[in-house]
Amino acid sequence: MNQKELLWISITVFLTVVAWMLLDIYRIKTQINIESGLKSLQTVDFTLRSDVLKMLKEKTP
């Protein structure tokens, strides 16, 4: 291979990698916008019952 062919191959590989990275960044940005439109997660409120805790304390392993 002469230097001119090597130059064209390296430019092609470089531009391919740059295009690949730009497409990934674009895909991530659009995916975030889609997910932000979804409903927010609702947290579950857990209550501790003292009678259940007493029964667990009474049990011996």
C-alpha atoms as a PDB file:
ATOM      1  CA  MET A   1       0.000   0.000   0.000  1.00  0.00           C
ATOM      2  CA  ASN A   2       1.230   3.435  -0.734  1.00  0.00           C
ATOM      3  CA  GLN A   3       0.736   6.436   1.523  1.00  0.00           C
ATOM      4  CA  LYS A   4      -2.223   7.803  -0.416  1.00  0.00           C
ATOM      5  CA  GLU A   5      -4.251   4.596   0.052  1.00  0.00           C
ATOM      6  CA  LEU A   6      -3.372   4.487   3.740  1.00  0.00           C
ATOM      7  CA  LEU A   7      -4.493   8.109   4.113  1.00  0.00           C
ATOM      8  CA  TRP A   8      -7.876   7.386   2.518  1.00  0.00           C
ATOM      9  CA  ILE A   9      -8.386   4.287   4.657  1.00  0.00           C
ATOM     10  CA  SER A  10      -7.552   6.154   7.850  1.00  0.00           C
ATOM     11  CA  ILE A  11      -9.840   9.081   6.931  1.00  0.00           C
ATOM     12  CA  THR A  12     -12.672   6.662   6.159  1.00  0.00           C
ATOM     13  CA  VAL A  13     -12.252   4.833   9.461  1.00  0.00           C
ATOM     14  CA  PHE A  14     -12.073   8.112  11.380  1.00  0.00           C
ATOM     15  CA  LEU A  15     -15.240   9.495   9.779  1.00  0.00           C
ATOM     16  CA  THR A  16     -17.049   6.212  10.353  1.00  0.00           C
ATOM     17  CA  VAL A  17     -16.206   6.282  14.060  1.00  0.00           C
ATOM     18  CA  VAL A  18     -17.249   9.934  14.381  1.00  0.00           C
ATOM     19  CA  ALA A  19     -20.573   9.257  12.624  1.00  0.00           C
ATOM     20  CA  TRP A  20     -21.169   6.234  14.864  1.00  0.00           C
ATOM     21  CA  MET A  21     -20.584   8.325  18.000  1.00  0.00           C
ATOM     22  CA  LEU A  22     -22.885  11.105  16.768  1.00  0.00           C
ATOM     23  CA  LEU A  23     -25.667   8.635  16.017  1.00  0.00           C
ATOM     24  CA  ASP A  24     -25.319   7.117  19.503  1.00  0.00           C
ATOM     25  CA  ILE A  25     -25.494  10.553  21.128  1.00  0.00           C
ATOM     26  CA  TYR A  26     -28.585  11.443  19.063  1.00  0.00           C
ATOM     27  CA  ARG A  27     -30.243   8.142  19.993  1.00  0.00           C
ATOM     28  CA  ILE A  28     -29.544   8.705  23.697  1.00  0.00           C
ATOM     29  CA  LYS A  29     -30.978  12.243  23.585  1.00  0.00           C
ATOM     30  CA  THR A  30     -34.168  11.127  21.870  1.00  0.00           C
ATOM     31  CA  GLN A  31     -34.536   8.193  24.258  1.00  0.00           C
ATOM     32  CA  ILE A  32     -34.290  10.531  27.274  1.00  0.00           C
ATOM     33  CA  ASN A  33     -37.000  12.786  25.800  1.00  0.00           C
ATOM     34  CA  ILE A  34     -39.303   9.820  25.275  1.00  0.00           C
ATOM     35  CA  GLU A  35     -38.755   8.548  28.828  1.00  0.00           C
ATOM     36  CA  SER A  36     -39.412  11.974  30.344  1.00  0.00           C
ATOM     37  CA  GLY A  37     -42.898  11.869  28.850  1.00  0.00           C
ATOM     38  CA  LEU A  38     -43.728   8.691  30.748  1.00  0.00           C
ATOM     39  CA  LYS A  39     -45.529   8.762  34.067  1.00  0.00           C
ATOM     40  CA  SER A  40     -43.460   9.361  37.149  1.00  0.00           C
ATOM     41  CA  LEU A  41     -42.890   6.471  39.484  1.00  0.00           C
ATOM     42  CA  GLN A  42     -44.997   6.514  42.591  1.00  0.00           C
ATOM     43  CA  THR A  43     -43.303   5.539  45.817  1.00  0.00           C
ATOM     44  CA  VAL A  44     -44.897   3.004  48.106  1.00  0.00           C
ATOM     45  CA  ASP A  45     -45.401   4.015  51.721  1.00  0.00           C
ATOM     46  CA  PHE A  46     -44.704   1.113  54.056  1.00  0.00           C
ATOM     47  CA  THR A  47     -46.127   1.134  57.565  1.00  0.00           C
ATOM     48  CA  LEU A  48     -44.697  -0.968  60.364  1.00  0.00           C
ATOM     49  CA  ARG A  49     -47.136  -2.787  62.558  1.00  0.00           C
ATOM     50  CA  SER A  50     -45.996  -3.305  66.109  1.00  0.00           C
ATOM     51  CA  ASP A  51     -47.903  -6.569  66.599  1.00  0.00           C
ATOM     52  CA  VAL A  52     -46.060  -8.163  63.663  1.00  0.00           C
ATOM     53  CA  LEU A  53     -42.734  -7.003  65.065  1.00  0.00           C
ATOM     54  CA  LYS A  54     -43.603  -8.477  68.483  1.00  0.00           C
ATOM     55  CA  MET A  55     -44.459 -11.840  66.920  1.00  0.00           C
ATOM     56  CA  LEU A  56     -41.159 -11.855  65.045  1.00  0.00           C
ATOM     57  CA  LYS A  57     -39.253 -11.050  68.240  1.00  0.00           C
ATOM     58  CA  GLU A  58     -40.957 -13.914  70.086  1.00  0.00           C
ATOM     59  CA  LYS A  59     -39.939 -16.478  67.481  1.00  0.00           C
ATOM     60  CA  THR A  60     -36.597 -18.048  68.133  1.00  0.00           C
ATOM     61  CA  PRO A  61     -34.413 -19.148  65.243  1.00  0.00           C
END
